[in-house]
Amino acid sequence: MRRTRHAAGLTQETLGERADLPVTYIGRIERAERDPGVRTVSRLARGLGVEVAELFAGVPQADDTTPRRRTPTPRVATSAPPAVERG
């Protein structure tokens, strides 16, 4: 996104005004500290004057887009339960 913003000759402040987003949030997106949702990406594209797809140009695609099920991690007891005396 930063490349697109620079190519458009915009500062983060100007893009923030156009997209109605805080400048700090734009900076965090550019530093990959935040993952914007679909609506935010749409607002950014509109503010930059580009199509949404252009913001994803050059982004590496996953080889396999099949969702993976996460295997639960087995729980291991950290200590044995107290012994029960039988009498």
Protein backbone atom coordinates (compact mmCIF):
# COMPACT_ATOMS: atom_id res chain seq x y z
CA MET A 1 0.00 0.00 0.00
CA ARG A 2 2.86 2.36 0.77
CA ARG A 3 4.14 2.08 -2.82
CA THR A 4 0.70 2.90 -4.18
CA ARG A 5 0.37 5.85 -1.80
CA HIS A 6 3.78 7.20 -2.80
CA ALA A 7 3.00 6.71 -6.50
CA ALA A 8 -0.16 8.77 -5.98
CA GLY A 9 1.92 11.48 -4.28
CA LEU A 10 -0.08 11.22 -1.05
CA THR A 11 1.02 11.53 2.54
CA GLN A 12 -0.43 9.30 5.23
CA GLU A 13 -2.31 12.35 6.49
CA THR A 14 -3.93 13.02 3.11
CA LEU A 15 -4.86 9.36 2.65
CA GLY A 16 -6.29 9.33 6.16
CA GLU A 17 -8.51 12.29 5.31
CA ARG A 18 -9.63 10.75 2.02
CA ALA A 19 -10.33 7.34 3.53
CA ASP A 20 -11.66 8.73 6.82
CA LEU A 21 -9.14 6.70 8.80
CA PRO A 22 -6.68 7.72 11.53
CA VAL A 23 -3.13 8.38 10.34
CA THR A 24 -1.79 6.07 13.03
CA TYR A 25 -3.90 3.21 11.67
CA ILE A 26 -2.60 3.79 8.14
CA GLY A 27 0.97 3.68 9.45
CA ARG A 28 0.27 0.42 11.26
CA ILE A 29 -1.18 -1.13 8.11
CA GLU A 30 1.89 -0.06 6.11
CA ARG A 31 4.18 -1.59 8.73
CA ALA A 32 2.11 -4.81 8.69
CA GLU A 33 1.14 -4.35 12.32
CA ARG A 34 -2.57 -4.41 11.43
CA ASP A 35 -4.61 -6.43 8.95
CA PRO A 36 -7.44 -4.26 7.66
CA GLY A 37 -10.86 -5.73 6.98
CA VAL A 38 -12.70 -5.66 3.67
CA ARG A 39 -14.45 -2.35 4.37
CA THR A 40 -11.22 -0.66 5.37
CA VAL A 41 -9.43 -1.95 2.26
CA SER A 42 -12.29 -0.58 0.18
CA ARG A 43 -11.98 2.82 1.87
CA LEU A 44 -8.22 2.83 1.34
CA ALA A 45 -8.60 1.98 -2.35
CA ARG A 46 -11.15 4.76 -2.78
CA GLY A 47 -8.82 7.19 -0.99
CA LEU A 48 -5.94 6.16 -3.23
CA GLY A 49 -8.07 6.32 -6.38
CA VAL A 50 -7.38 2.70 -7.33
CA GLU A 51 -9.28 -0.58 -7.56
CA VAL A 52 -9.12 -2.86 -4.52
CA ALA A 53 -7.29 -5.51 -6.59
CA GLU A 54 -4.43 -3.08 -7.19
CA LEU A 55 -3.70 -3.00 -3.47
CA PHE A 56 -3.07 -6.74 -3.61
CA ALA A 57 -0.81 -6.65 -6.69
CA GLY A 58 2.51 -8.27 -5.84
CA VAL A 59 1.24 -9.86 -2.63
CA PRO A 60 2.40 -13.48 -2.54
CA GLN A 61 -0.42 -15.98 -2.83
CA ALA A 62 -0.55 -19.15 -0.77
CA ASP A 63 0.17 -22.27 -2.82
CA ASP A 64 -2.60 -24.19 -1.15
CA THR A 65 -5.75 -22.32 -0.20
CA THR A 66 -7.39 -25.35 1.40
CA PRO A 67 -8.40 -24.48 4.96
CA ARG A 68 -6.56 -26.57 7.47
CA ARG A 69 -8.10 -27.95 10.62
CA ARG A 70 -6.10 -27.22 13.67
CA THR A 71 -5.25 -30.34 15.65
CA PRO A 72 -5.90 -29.79 19.34
CA THR A 73 -2.87 -30.00 21.58
CA PRO A 74 -3.23 -32.82 24.10
CA ARG A 75 -3.33 -31.67 27.68
CA VAL A 76 -0.74 -33.17 29.96
CA ALA A 77 -1.21 -33.18 33.71
CA THR A 78 1.55 -31.30 35.47
CA SER A 79 1.19 -33.32 38.65
CA ALA A 80 -0.51 -36.53 39.69
CA PRO A 81 -3.85 -36.24 41.48
CA PRO A 82 -3.73 -36.87 45.22
CA ALA A 83 -3.90 -40.54 46.23
CA VAL A 84 -7.16 -41.70 47.74
CA GLU A 85 -6.78 -43.86 50.83
CA ARG A 86 -9.09 -46.81 51.03
CA GLY A 87 -9.66 -48.31 54.31
